[in-house]
């Protein structure tokens, strides 16, 4: 009985640590969901950032912060951070060119989160329009779910796009 109790406690600790790590998903450069604009800029360091447009969908306002000409996953990219009520709710990383990056990102995400699925319109909610302005995903788009995020990887012409959305964000509902 004592051994069983110790085993249950150890399994609980491991699962708690795994869930805590997942719920604090680091997007890049120490950036995590829930951060303020100032915290994101501080984590990014010396980058050129511009205020973007505001999106209003079903009463939810998302404000953009755009970083152009940065490097992510070893490739040049433009990054758009989306803030909901002043807190980071989504990130779009638009890579300049693919050159095998799509396949590498797919492999990395699969190793971390398991096999991908086709994106579901219902799960993405209004987040679909952050992934694609016209609300359509390419046939090869893939989606992963973690405790903290919905993650979509899409090949757009000859470029790869990655979007991470906070699963607790109001814009997904």
Protein backbone atom coordinates (compact mmCIF):
# COMPACT_ATOMS: atom_id res chain seq x y z
CA UNK A 1 0.00 0.00 0.00
CA UNK A 2 2.84 2.37 0.88
CA UNK A 3 4.56 1.66 -2.46
CA UNK A 4 1.32 2.34 -4.33
CA UNK A 5 0.89 5.67 -2.53
CA UNK A 6 4.47 6.68 -3.35
CA UNK A 7 3.93 5.70 -6.99
CA UNK A 8 0.70 7.72 -7.17
CA UNK A 9 2.44 10.76 -5.67
CA UNK A 10 5.38 10.47 -8.11
CA UNK A 11 3.06 10.14 -11.13
CA UNK A 12 1.06 13.15 -9.90
CA UNK A 13 4.22 15.23 -9.57
CA UNK A 14 5.41 14.31 -13.06
CA UNK A 15 2.00 15.09 -14.60
CA UNK A 16 1.76 18.37 -12.69
CA UNK A 17 5.19 19.41 -13.94
CA UNK A 18 4.30 18.47 -17.52
CA UNK A 19 1.01 20.39 -17.40
CA UNK A 20 2.63 23.41 -15.77
CA UNK A 21 5.26 23.47 -18.50
CA UNK A 22 2.61 23.19 -21.21
CA UNK A 23 0.35 25.85 -19.69
CA UNK A 24 3.29 28.26 -19.71
CA UNK A 25 4.11 27.59 -23.37
CA UNK A 26 7.00 29.78 -24.45
CA UNK A 27 6.27 31.13 -27.90
CA UNK A 28 9.78 32.47 -28.64
CA UNK A 29 12.49 34.53 -26.94
CA UNK A 30 10.84 34.03 -23.54
CA UNK A 31 7.50 35.36 -24.79
CA UNK A 32 4.46 33.64 -23.22
CA UNK A 33 0.71 34.06 -23.49
CA UNK A 34 -0.71 36.61 -21.05
CA UNK A 35 2.27 38.98 -21.28
CA UNK A 36 1.68 42.70 -21.77
CA UNK A 37 2.97 44.59 -24.80
CA UNK A 38 5.84 46.01 -22.71
CA UNK A 39 6.80 42.53 -21.47
CA UNK A 40 6.81 41.14 -25.02
CA UNK A 41 8.99 44.00 -26.26
CA UNK A 42 11.35 43.52 -23.34
CA UNK A 43 11.64 39.78 -24.04
CA UNK A 44 12.23 40.41 -27.76
CA UNK A 45 15.06 42.83 -27.04
CA UNK A 46 16.35 45.23 -29.65
CA UNK A 47 13.79 44.89 -32.45
CA UNK A 48 11.86 47.33 -34.58
CA UNK A 49 8.17 47.10 -33.70
CA UNK A 50 5.16 48.89 -35.16
CA UNK A 51 1.59 49.19 -33.96
CA UNK A 52 -0.69 47.30 -36.31
CA UNK A 53 -4.39 47.44 -36.92
CA UNK A 54 -7.17 46.51 -34.54
CA UNK A 55 -9.49 43.60 -35.19
CA UNK A 56 -12.98 43.64 -33.72
CA UNK A 57 -14.84 40.35 -33.89
CA UNK A 58 -17.97 39.59 -31.89
CA UNK A 59 -17.13 42.32 -29.39
CA UNK A 60 -13.54 41.14 -28.86
CA UNK A 61 -10.80 43.59 -29.77
CA UNK A 62 -7.36 42.33 -30.81
CA UNK A 63 -4.53 44.83 -31.17
CA UNK A 64 -1.48 44.05 -33.30
CA UNK A 65 2.20 44.59 -32.66
CA UNK A 66 4.31 43.83 -35.74
CA UNK A 67 7.97 42.89 -35.89
CA UNK A 68 9.49 42.84 -39.35
CA UNK A 69 12.70 41.26 -40.54
CA UNK A 70 13.45 39.08 -37.52
CA UNK A 71 14.77 35.53 -37.37
CA UNK A 72 12.77 32.60 -36.03
CA UNK A 73 13.73 28.94 -36.25
CA UNK A 74 16.80 30.03 -38.22
CA UNK A 75 14.74 31.67 -40.97
CA UNK A 76 13.80 35.27 -41.79
CA UNK A 77 10.26 36.08 -40.66
CA UNK A 78 7.71 38.75 -39.86
CA UNK A 79 5.93 38.29 -36.53
CA UNK A 80 2.60 39.72 -35.48
CA UNK A 81 1.64 39.61 -31.81
CA UNK A 82 -2.09 39.91 -31.04
CA UNK A 83 -3.20 41.34 -27.72
CA UNK A 84 -6.63 40.86 -26.20
CA UNK A 85 -7.47 43.19 -23.28
CA UNK A 86 -3.78 44.14 -23.12
CA UNK A 87 -2.50 40.55 -22.85
CA UNK A 88 -0.84 38.38 -25.50
CA UNK A 89 -3.44 36.05 -27.00
CA UNK A 90 -1.96 34.93 -30.34
CA UNK A 91 1.19 35.02 -32.43
CA UNK A 92 1.52 34.76 -36.20
CA UNK A 93 4.96 33.94 -37.59
CA UNK A 94 5.08 34.46 -41.34
CA UNK A 95 8.31 32.98 -42.70
CA UNK A 96 9.93 34.42 -45.82
CA UNK A 97 10.28 31.36 -48.03
CA UNK A 98 9.98 27.70 -47.11
CA UNK A 99 13.13 25.80 -48.18
CA UNK A 100 12.14 22.76 -46.12
CA UNK A 101 11.15 24.84 -43.10
CA UNK A 102 7.53 23.64 -43.23
CA UNK A 103 8.65 20.01 -42.96
CA UNK A 104 11.12 20.81 -40.16
CA UNK A 105 8.49 22.72 -38.17
CA UNK A 106 5.99 19.91 -38.73
CA UNK A 107 8.50 17.37 -37.44
CA UNK A 108 9.39 19.49 -34.37
CA UNK A 109 5.73 20.15 -33.51
CA UNK A 110 4.81 16.49 -33.96
CA UNK A 111 7.65 15.42 -31.66
CA UNK A 112 6.45 17.86 -29.00
CA UNK A 113 2.64 17.65 -29.30
CA UNK A 114 1.90 14.39 -31.12
CA UNK A 115 0.34 13.77 -34.51
CA UNK A 116 -1.38 16.75 -36.12
CA UNK A 117 -4.98 16.91 -37.29
CA UNK A 118 -6.74 18.91 -39.95
CA UNK A 119 -7.73 22.27 -38.49
CA UNK A 120 -11.33 22.40 -37.33
CA UNK A 121 -13.25 25.60 -38.01
CA UNK A 122 -15.17 25.12 -34.78
CA UNK A 123 -12.01 24.82 -32.65
CA UNK A 124 -10.36 27.82 -34.32
CA UNK A 125 -13.41 30.06 -34.01
CA UNK A 126 -12.52 33.62 -34.96
CA UNK A 127 -8.85 32.61 -34.88
CA UNK A 128 -9.35 31.29 -38.38
CA UNK A 129 -9.23 34.86 -39.68
CA UNK A 130 -5.87 35.44 -38.03
CA UNK A 131 -4.50 32.45 -39.89
CA UNK A 132 -6.03 33.47 -43.21
CA UNK A 133 -7.78 36.76 -44.04
CA UNK A 134 -10.43 35.13 -46.22
CA UNK A 135 -11.22 32.45 -43.64
CA UNK A 136 -9.98 29.55 -45.75
CA UNK A 137 -7.13 27.25 -44.85
CA UNK A 138 -4.97 25.58 -47.44
CA UNK A 139 -5.64 21.84 -47.83
CA UNK A 140 -2.25 21.04 -46.28
CA UNK A 141 -2.80 23.05 -43.09
CA UNK A 142 -2.15 21.16 -39.86
CA UNK A 143 -3.27 21.75 -36.26
CA UNK A 144 -1.95 20.65 -32.88
CA UNK A 145 -3.61 21.12 -29.49
CA UNK A 146 -1.79 21.57 -26.23
CA UNK A 147 -3.20 22.52 -22.85
CA UNK A 148 -2.16 26.12 -23.51
CA UNK A 149 -2.48 26.61 -27.26
CA UNK A 150 -3.97 25.79 -30.60
CA UNK A 151 -1.13 25.66 -33.10
CA UNK A 152 -1.66 25.85 -36.85
CA UNK A 153 1.04 25.33 -39.46
CA UNK A 154 0.21 26.26 -43.03
CA UNK A 155 2.10 26.37 -46.29
CA UNK A 156 1.02 29.52 -48.12
CA UNK A 157 2.35 29.46 -51.69
CA UNK A 158 6.11 29.13 -51.13
CA UNK A 159 6.05 30.36 -47.52
CA UNK A 160 5.35 28.71 -44.18
CA UNK A 161 3.03 30.31 -41.61
CA UNK A 162 2.79 29.33 -37.97
CA UNK A 163 0.13 30.65 -35.62
CA UNK A 164 -0.16 29.98 -31.91
CA UNK A 165 -3.38 30.92 -30.12
CA UNK A 166 -4.03 30.96 -26.40
CA UNK A 167 -6.80 28.39 -25.83
CA UNK A 168 -8.26 30.61 -23.09
CA UNK A 169 -8.58 33.65 -25.34
CA UNK A 170 -12.06 35.09 -25.80
CA UNK A 171 -11.62 35.51 -29.57
CA UNK A 172 -11.64 31.71 -29.99
CA UNK A 173 -15.14 31.46 -28.55
